Amino acid sequence: MATPIRLDFTPPSEPDLVSLHVEEAPADTGPFAEIQVITAIGSPPDYISFATVDATSPSDWFRIRWQNAGGAFTPYSEAIQGGTTTLVQTIVDRAMMRNPTADERVVTQAAEQIIQSVMKVDDPYNVTLTANYSQLEGMTLLVLVRTAISTMSAGGNASSFTAGLISMKQDTGTAQENSLKMMMDEAGRLLGIGKSKIGQLAAPVIAQGLAVPVDADISRLIVEIE
C-alpha cells in the first residue's frame, strides 16, 4: 500500500519549467525509479516548494529534478530519506518564518554557507548532521543577516529593512547597521564565536621630533632610540 510522503525543497529560478519528477530508492545510493511526475508546479518565480507523493515505503530515499519546456532536466537534488529533513531545510524554514518576504533561494544559499562554516562540514545536506537549539538560533540569525546584506548589495532599499521582529524605515542606514550588528553579536554569543582585538602603540614622538626611533615593535611596546 502506497504511503504519502511530503517532500520539501527550494523552488528553482528557471523561468520555463513545466514539470517536477520524483524518484524513490531503497537506499541513498539507489537504484532510483521515477514514481511521480507533477505538472501543477505553479508559475515562475512562484513554483511549488513541497509535494506529497505516494511512496512504496516511508523509510525509502527520494530525489527530484525539474524539466523545462524544451525537455531538458535540471540536476538531481540531494537524496533525502522519508520522514527526515536536512539541517539546511530546518534553518531555511526558521529564517523564512521570521522574514516571509525574503527570497527563499537567497536564504538557502546563505544557509548552505553558514552551516558549512559553523558546523565545519563539507556537505551541509548530510542528513546525519544535527544541531542543538543554540546552534539553530545562532545560525538562523546569521542567515537573516547575510540575506539582508545580499539584498542590499543587489540594490535593495537600504532605508527599509525587516528581519523577523526587527523593522526599520528611515533615511539613513545607521539603525539598520546597528540592528544587523546586534544580531551578529547575539549569533556569536549563541555559537560561542568570540571576538579578539589587537591594540598597537602609536609610534612615539621623541624629543619633539629631534630624535627618531631606530627600531620599534609597537605590538610589543618596544622602542629602540638613537
Protein backbone atom coordinates (compact mmCIF):
# COMPACT_ATOMS: atom_id res chain seq x y z
CA MET A 1 0.00 0.00 0.00
CA ALA A 2 1.39 3.41 -1.02
CA THR A 3 2.31 5.82 1.77
CA PRO A 4 2.02 9.62 1.34
CA ILE A 5 5.36 11.36 1.90
CA ARG A 6 5.83 15.14 1.97
CA LEU A 7 8.98 16.44 0.29
CA ASP A 8 10.17 19.99 0.96
CA PHE A 9 12.58 21.70 -1.41
CA THR A 10 13.74 25.11 -2.59
CA PRO A 11 11.96 26.27 -5.75
CA PRO A 12 14.29 26.84 -8.72
CA SER A 13 14.84 30.09 -10.59
CA GLU A 14 14.47 28.84 -14.19
CA PRO A 15 11.56 30.61 -15.96
CA ASP A 16 10.32 27.84 -18.30
CA LEU A 17 9.87 24.73 -16.14
CA VAL A 18 6.86 22.52 -16.87
CA SER A 19 7.10 19.50 -14.55
CA LEU A 20 8.63 18.04 -11.41
CA HIS A 21 9.89 14.44 -11.44
CA VAL A 22 10.12 12.45 -8.19
CA GLU A 23 12.22 9.30 -7.81
CA GLU A 24 12.39 6.72 -5.00
CA ALA A 25 15.06 4.21 -3.94
CA PRO A 26 15.60 1.80 -1.03
CA ALA A 27 18.98 3.44 -0.23
CA ASP A 28 20.61 6.82 -0.79
CA THR A 29 22.86 5.24 -3.41
CA GLY A 30 19.92 3.83 -5.41
CA PRO A 31 18.75 2.34 -7.60
CA PHE A 32 16.21 5.14 -8.10
CA ALA A 33 12.98 4.77 -10.04
CA GLU A 34 10.58 7.51 -11.06
CA ILE A 35 7.31 7.28 -9.12
CA GLN A 36 5.53 10.53 -9.97
CA VAL A 37 5.51 13.41 -12.46
CA ILE A 38 3.88 16.61 -11.19
CA THR A 39 2.76 19.17 -13.77
CA ALA A 40 0.84 21.51 -11.44
CA ILE A 41 4.04 23.27 -10.35
CA GLY A 42 2.86 26.89 -10.38
CA SER A 43 4.35 29.76 -12.36
CA PRO A 44 7.81 31.37 -12.15
CA PRO A 45 9.10 32.56 -9.79
CA ASP A 46 6.40 31.09 -7.52
CA TYR A 47 6.94 27.40 -8.20
CA ILE A 48 5.76 24.89 -5.59
CA SER A 49 8.16 24.31 -2.70
CA PHE A 50 6.78 20.98 -1.48
CA ALA A 51 4.99 17.94 -2.87
CA THR A 52 3.22 14.92 -1.43
CA VAL A 53 3.99 11.69 -3.24
CA ASP A 54 2.87 8.07 -2.93
CA ALA A 55 5.87 6.09 -1.74
CA THR A 56 6.47 2.38 -1.51
CA SER A 57 7.99 2.80 1.95
CA PRO A 58 8.18 5.86 4.26
CA SER A 59 11.81 4.98 5.06
CA ASP A 60 12.91 4.99 1.41
CA TRP A 61 15.03 7.73 -0.15
CA PHE A 62 13.75 10.38 -2.55
CA ARG A 63 15.18 12.86 -5.02
CA ILE A 64 13.69 15.28 -7.54
CA ARG A 65 14.56 17.04 -10.76
CA TRP A 66 12.74 19.59 -12.90
CA GLN A 67 12.03 19.54 -16.64
CA ASN A 68 11.71 22.59 -18.84
CA ALA A 69 9.59 23.21 -21.94
CA GLY A 70 12.41 22.05 -24.18
CA GLY A 71 12.64 18.66 -22.49
CA ALA A 72 15.90 19.33 -20.64
CA PHE A 73 16.29 18.34 -16.99
CA THR A 74 17.92 20.12 -14.06
CA PRO A 75 20.50 18.19 -11.99
CA TYR A 76 19.08 15.85 -9.36
CA SER A 77 18.58 17.14 -5.85
CA GLU A 78 20.33 15.60 -2.88
CA ALA A 79 18.65 12.35 -1.85
CA ILE A 80 16.63 12.64 1.35
CA GLN A 81 15.10 9.87 3.45
CA GLY A 82 11.38 9.88 4.10
CA GLY A 83 10.40 11.36 7.44
CA THR A 84 13.66 13.30 7.78
CA THR A 85 14.86 16.73 6.81
CA THR A 86 18.23 18.34 6.23
CA LEU A 87 19.74 20.93 8.51
CA VAL A 88 19.69 23.33 5.55
CA GLN A 89 15.92 22.99 5.26
CA THR A 90 15.48 23.42 9.02
CA ILE A 91 17.46 26.69 9.04
CA VAL A 92 15.69 27.93 5.90
CA ASP A 93 12.28 27.24 7.45
CA ARG A 94 13.24 29.12 10.63
CA ALA A 95 14.59 32.10 8.67
CA MET A 96 11.56 32.26 6.33
CA MET A 97 9.22 32.16 9.35
CA ARG A 98 10.87 35.35 10.65
CA ASN A 99 11.19 37.07 7.28
CA PRO A 100 8.49 35.70 4.95
CA THR A 101 9.28 38.31 2.26
CA ALA A 102 12.84 37.03 1.75
CA ASP A 103 13.80 35.20 -1.43
CA GLU A 104 13.95 31.54 -0.35
CA ARG A 105 16.68 30.84 -2.91
CA VAL A 106 18.92 33.51 -1.38
CA VAL A 107 18.12 32.23 2.12
CA THR A 108 19.06 28.69 1.06
CA GLN A 109 22.40 29.80 -0.36
CA ALA A 110 23.17 31.67 2.86
CA ALA A 111 22.17 28.65 4.97
CA GLU A 112 24.42 26.33 2.96
CA GLN A 113 27.49 28.52 3.51
CA ILE A 114 26.82 29.25 7.18
CA ILE A 115 26.15 25.61 8.09
CA GLN A 116 29.29 24.52 6.28
CA SER A 117 31.34 27.14 8.12
CA VAL A 118 29.82 26.83 11.61
CA MET A 119 29.48 23.04 11.65
CA LYS A 120 32.81 22.57 9.82
CA VAL A 121 31.47 20.07 7.31
CA ASP A 122 31.93 19.60 3.58
CA ASP A 123 28.30 18.68 2.87
CA PRO A 124 25.65 20.79 4.63
CA TYR A 125 22.98 18.46 3.20
CA ASN A 126 24.24 15.40 5.08
CA VAL A 127 21.08 14.01 6.70
CA THR A 128 23.01 12.85 9.77
CA LEU A 129 24.01 16.44 10.56
CA THR A 130 22.26 17.80 13.66
CA ALA A 131 22.45 20.99 15.74
CA ASN A 132 21.38 21.94 19.26
CA TYR A 133 18.95 24.78 19.95
CA SER A 134 21.65 27.40 20.49
CA GLN A 135 23.29 26.47 17.20
CA LEU A 136 19.95 26.55 15.40
CA GLU A 137 19.16 30.02 16.75
CA GLY A 138 22.66 31.35 16.10
CA MET A 139 22.78 30.09 12.52
CA THR A 140 19.26 31.41 11.87
CA LEU A 141 20.34 34.89 12.96
CA LEU A 142 23.43 34.70 10.73
CA VAL A 143 21.28 33.65 7.78
CA LEU A 144 18.95 36.62 8.35
CA VAL A 145 21.94 38.97 8.47
CA ARG A 146 23.59 37.52 5.36
CA THR A 147 20.30 37.58 3.47
CA ALA A 148 19.79 41.24 4.37
CA ILE A 149 23.33 42.09 3.28
CA SER A 150 22.87 40.20 -0.01
CA THR A 151 19.62 42.04 -0.69
CA MET A 152 21.21 45.43 0.00
CA SER A 153 24.24 44.59 -2.13
CA ALA A 154 21.96 43.63 -5.00
CA GLY A 155 20.29 47.04 -4.93
CA GLY A 156 17.68 46.65 -2.22
CA ASN A 157 16.29 49.68 -0.41
CA ALA A 158 18.75 50.43 2.39
CA SER A 159 16.24 52.70 4.14
CA SER A 160 13.75 49.90 4.68
CA PHE A 161 14.65 46.66 6.40
CA THR A 162 12.76 43.80 8.02
CA ALA A 163 14.20 40.73 9.74
CA GLY A 164 11.76 38.96 11.97
CA LEU A 165 10.63 41.33 14.71
CA ILE A 166 13.16 43.99 13.71
CA SER A 167 11.70 46.52 11.29
CA MET A 168 13.03 49.95 10.38
CA LYS A 169 12.37 52.64 7.83
CA GLN A 170 14.44 55.80 7.77
CA ASP A 171 16.69 57.97 5.61
CA THR A 172 20.00 56.58 6.81
CA GLY A 173 21.32 53.06 7.22
CA THR A 174 22.72 53.63 10.72
CA ALA A 175 19.88 51.91 12.61
CA GLN A 176 19.88 49.07 10.12
CA GLU A 177 23.61 48.55 10.50
CA ASN A 178 23.28 48.61 14.29
CA SER A 179 20.50 46.03 14.23
CA LEU A 180 22.49 43.74 11.93
CA LYS A 181 25.46 44.12 14.26
CA MET A 182 23.31 43.24 17.29
CA MET A 183 22.04 40.13 15.52
CA MET A 184 25.58 39.13 14.62
CA ASP A 185 26.76 39.69 18.20
CA GLU A 186 23.92 37.56 19.56
CA ALA A 187 24.64 34.85 16.99
CA GLY A 188 28.28 34.87 18.04
CA ARG A 189 27.29 34.50 21.69
CA LEU A 190 24.99 31.58 20.95
CA LEU A 191 27.55 29.84 18.75
CA GLY A 192 30.49 30.51 21.04
CA ILE A 193 32.26 32.61 18.43
CA GLY A 194 34.42 35.10 20.34
CA LYS A 195 35.97 38.36 19.19
CA SER A 196 39.55 39.46 19.62
CA LYS A 197 41.10 42.88 19.31
CA ILE A 198 44.79 43.69 18.94
CA GLY A 199 45.96 47.04 20.22
CA GLN A 200 49.13 48.67 18.92
CA LEU A 201 51.10 51.57 20.36
CA ALA A 202 51.38 54.53 18.04
CA ALA A 203 54.95 55.41 17.05
CA PRO A 204 56.13 57.81 19.80
CA VAL A 205 57.26 61.39 19.24
CA ILE A 206 60.67 61.72 20.97
CA ALA A 207 62.34 64.99 21.96
CA GLN A 208 59.79 66.95 19.98
CA GLY A 209 60.76 65.09 16.85
CA LEU A 210 64.54 65.71 17.17
CA ALA A 211 65.17 62.02 17.86
CA VAL A 212 63.74 59.19 15.87
CA PRO A 213 63.29 55.52 16.75
CA VAL A 214 65.84 53.22 15.15
CA ASP A 215 63.62 50.24 15.57
CA ALA A 216 60.14 49.74 17.03
CA ASP A 217 57.91 46.79 17.71
CA ILE A 218 54.71 48.64 18.52
CA SER A 219 52.78 45.38 19.00
CA ARG A 220 55.05 44.57 21.99
CA LEU A 221 55.55 48.16 23.20
CA ILE A 222 59.30 48.02 22.50
CA VAL A 223 61.12 51.04 21.09
CA GLU A 224 64.84 51.41 20.43
CA ILE A 225 66.00 55.05 20.41
CA GLU A 226 69.19 56.53 18.96
